[in-house]
Structure formats: structure tokens, C-alpha cells
Amino acid sequence: MGLCFDELGKRRHGSEATLHFCDALYRIYGSEDLSTALGASFAIEHWANAGFWDELIEGFEKLNGKRPSGAKKFRMGFWRFHQALEAQHAAHTMDELEEAITEGLITDELRFQQAARVQA
């Protein structure tokens, strides 16, 4: 990819779609309104479980396949572990949602729903 470590994670490398997603994530997931933040948290956990990790791993495997013979490959252990972990985590978010409702943490159901439905 031609990037050095100190160049990773910089906005200047992001596509328009990636920057839109990151900005929306920051604005909604980091909201000071708890109903909004909880809705975003619920949505992002389910989004991640709905194929994100599969696509990420597939992309790394494709990149590994294109690397020249003898070139260092991306190690996949962490990503595969996190993929399995995320599958369990989505189920736990249902328990967390029940708890948030029971404890009255979601004070504005509409804001919760809007944050959970945001298209990044």
C-alpha cells in the first residue's frame, strides 16, 4: 500500500465515503445525548456483526494473495479472533438494550431510533 506507520489513520487518505462514515460515527456515537449515543452504540455493534469482519478478512486475504512471493503477509489471527468475538458481542447488545430500557436510560425513544438507523 506504500504507507509508513506514521501515515496510517490520517484523514487525507480517506475516501469521501469513509470520511462521511467517520464523521457521522463521531457525531452520533459520541453524542452527549444518552438516548442518541445508546442508539448509535446498538447499531454499530449489529453493523459490525452483519458482515464487516467477514469483508475485512476477505480484503486482507486478497491483499495477501497479491503480495509478491517472499513479501511479508498480513497476520490474520487477531482479525479472525475479533470476528468470532464480535459474533458473540452482538447477542450481548440485546441484553444491554433490555437493561437500558429497564433502567430508564433511553429517555427519548425517537432519538434512539434515529441514531440506530443512521446511514453512514
Protein backbone atom coordinates (compact mmCIF):
# COMPACT_ATOMS: atom_id res chain seq x y z
CA MET A 1 0.00 0.00 0.00
CA GLY A 2 3.02 2.22 0.27
CA LEU A 3 2.21 3.81 3.63
CA CYS A 4 4.57 4.11 6.57
CA PHE A 5 3.29 3.59 10.11
CA ASP A 6 3.16 7.32 10.87
CA GLU A 7 0.93 7.86 7.81
CA LEU A 8 -1.81 5.47 8.99
CA GLY A 9 -5.08 6.79 10.33
CA LYS A 10 -4.83 10.17 8.62
CA ARG A 11 -7.93 11.84 7.17
CA ARG A 12 -6.09 12.75 3.99
CA HIS A 13 -6.07 9.08 2.98
CA GLY A 14 -9.81 8.57 3.47
CA SER A 15 -12.29 8.42 0.62
CA GLU A 16 -15.31 10.71 0.71
CA ALA A 17 -17.49 7.80 1.84
CA THR A 18 -15.04 6.80 4.58
CA LEU A 19 -14.79 10.35 5.90
CA HIS A 20 -18.58 10.69 5.88
CA PHE A 21 -18.86 7.47 7.89
CA CYS A 22 -16.16 8.51 10.39
CA ASP A 23 -17.67 11.97 10.87
CA ALA A 24 -21.16 10.53 11.40
CA LEU A 25 -19.76 7.97 13.83
CA TYR A 26 -18.04 10.71 15.84
CA ARG A 27 -21.11 12.96 15.82
CA ILE A 28 -23.66 10.30 16.75
CA TYR A 29 -21.74 7.66 18.71
CA GLY A 30 -20.08 10.40 20.75
CA SER A 31 -23.29 12.33 21.34
CA GLU A 32 -23.81 13.90 24.75
CA ASP A 33 -27.47 12.85 24.49
CA LEU A 34 -27.55 9.39 26.06
CA SER A 35 -30.52 8.16 24.00
CA THR A 36 -28.65 9.09 20.79
CA ALA A 37 -25.36 7.55 21.96
CA LEU A 38 -27.07 4.31 23.04
CA GLY A 39 -28.91 4.05 19.71
CA ALA A 40 -25.65 4.52 17.81
CA SER A 41 -23.85 2.01 20.02
CA PHE A 42 -26.57 -0.57 19.46
CA ALA A 43 -26.48 -0.01 15.69
CA ILE A 44 -22.70 -0.11 15.31
CA GLU A 45 -22.41 -3.41 17.17
CA HIS A 46 -25.01 -5.01 14.94
CA TRP A 47 -23.48 -3.49 11.81
CA ALA A 48 -20.09 -4.89 12.74
CA ASN A 49 -21.60 -8.33 13.20
CA ALA A 50 -23.54 -8.16 9.92
CA GLY A 51 -20.53 -8.76 7.70
CA PHE A 52 -17.95 -6.07 8.47
CA TRP A 53 -15.41 -8.52 9.88
CA ASP A 54 -16.03 -11.03 7.09
CA GLU A 55 -15.40 -8.32 4.48
CA LEU A 56 -12.34 -7.03 6.32
CA ILE A 57 -10.79 -10.50 6.49
CA GLU A 58 -11.63 -11.15 2.84
CA GLY A 59 -9.90 -7.90 1.91
CA PHE A 60 -6.76 -8.76 3.87
CA GLU A 61 -6.69 -12.21 2.30
CA LYS A 62 -6.93 -10.64 -1.17
CA LEU A 63 -4.11 -8.26 -0.32
CA ASN A 64 -2.02 -11.18 0.95
CA GLY A 65 -2.69 -13.01 -2.30
CA LYS A 66 -1.40 -10.06 -4.32
CA ARG A 67 1.82 -9.63 -2.35
CA PRO A 68 5.00 -10.66 -4.14
CA SER A 69 6.50 -14.02 -3.33
CA GLY A 70 8.53 -13.78 -0.13
CA ALA A 71 6.89 -10.50 0.94
CA LYS A 72 5.57 -10.22 4.48
CA LYS A 73 1.88 -11.08 4.69
CA PHE A 74 -0.76 -9.61 6.99
CA ARG A 75 -1.20 -11.83 10.03
CA MET A 76 -4.80 -12.92 10.29
CA GLY A 77 -5.02 -14.29 13.85
CA PHE A 78 -6.17 -11.07 15.51
CA TRP A 79 -8.79 -10.40 12.84
CA ARG A 80 -10.21 -13.92 12.96
CA PHE A 81 -10.32 -13.83 16.76
CA HIS A 82 -12.12 -10.49 16.73
CA GLN A 83 -14.56 -11.77 14.10
CA ALA A 84 -15.59 -14.63 16.43
CA LEU A 85 -15.72 -12.31 19.43
CA GLU A 86 -17.94 -9.83 17.60
CA ALA A 87 -20.45 -12.55 16.76
CA GLN A 88 -21.00 -13.10 20.49
CA HIS A 89 -20.97 -9.39 21.26
CA ALA A 90 -23.99 -8.60 19.10
CA ALA A 91 -26.09 -11.01 21.16
CA HIS A 92 -24.98 -9.25 24.34
CA THR A 93 -26.11 -5.90 23.00
CA MET A 94 -29.70 -7.17 23.19
CA ASP A 95 -29.16 -7.74 26.92
CA GLU A 96 -27.65 -4.26 27.22
CA LEU A 97 -30.64 -2.78 25.39
CA GLU A 98 -33.05 -4.50 27.79
CA GLU A 99 -31.04 -3.17 30.72
CA ALA A 100 -31.02 0.38 29.31
CA ILE A 101 -34.79 0.28 28.87
CA THR A 102 -35.40 -1.21 32.32
CA GLU A 103 -33.17 1.39 33.98
CA GLY A 104 -34.84 4.25 32.09
CA LEU A 105 -31.63 5.30 30.33
CA ILE A 106 -33.39 5.77 26.99
CA THR A 107 -35.38 8.89 27.71
CA ASP A 108 -36.10 9.76 24.08
CA GLU A 109 -37.11 6.73 22.05
CA LEU A 110 -37.24 8.69 18.78
CA ARG A 111 -33.63 9.88 19.18
CA PHE A 112 -32.56 6.33 19.98
CA GLN A 113 -34.28 5.02 16.85
CA GLN A 114 -32.91 7.81 14.65
CA ALA A 115 -29.35 7.16 15.84
CA ALA A 116 -29.77 3.42 15.32
CA ARG A 117 -30.94 3.99 11.73
CA VAL A 118 -28.35 6.49 10.54
CA GLN A 119 -26.95 5.65 7.12
CA ALA A 120 -23.25 6.48 7.15
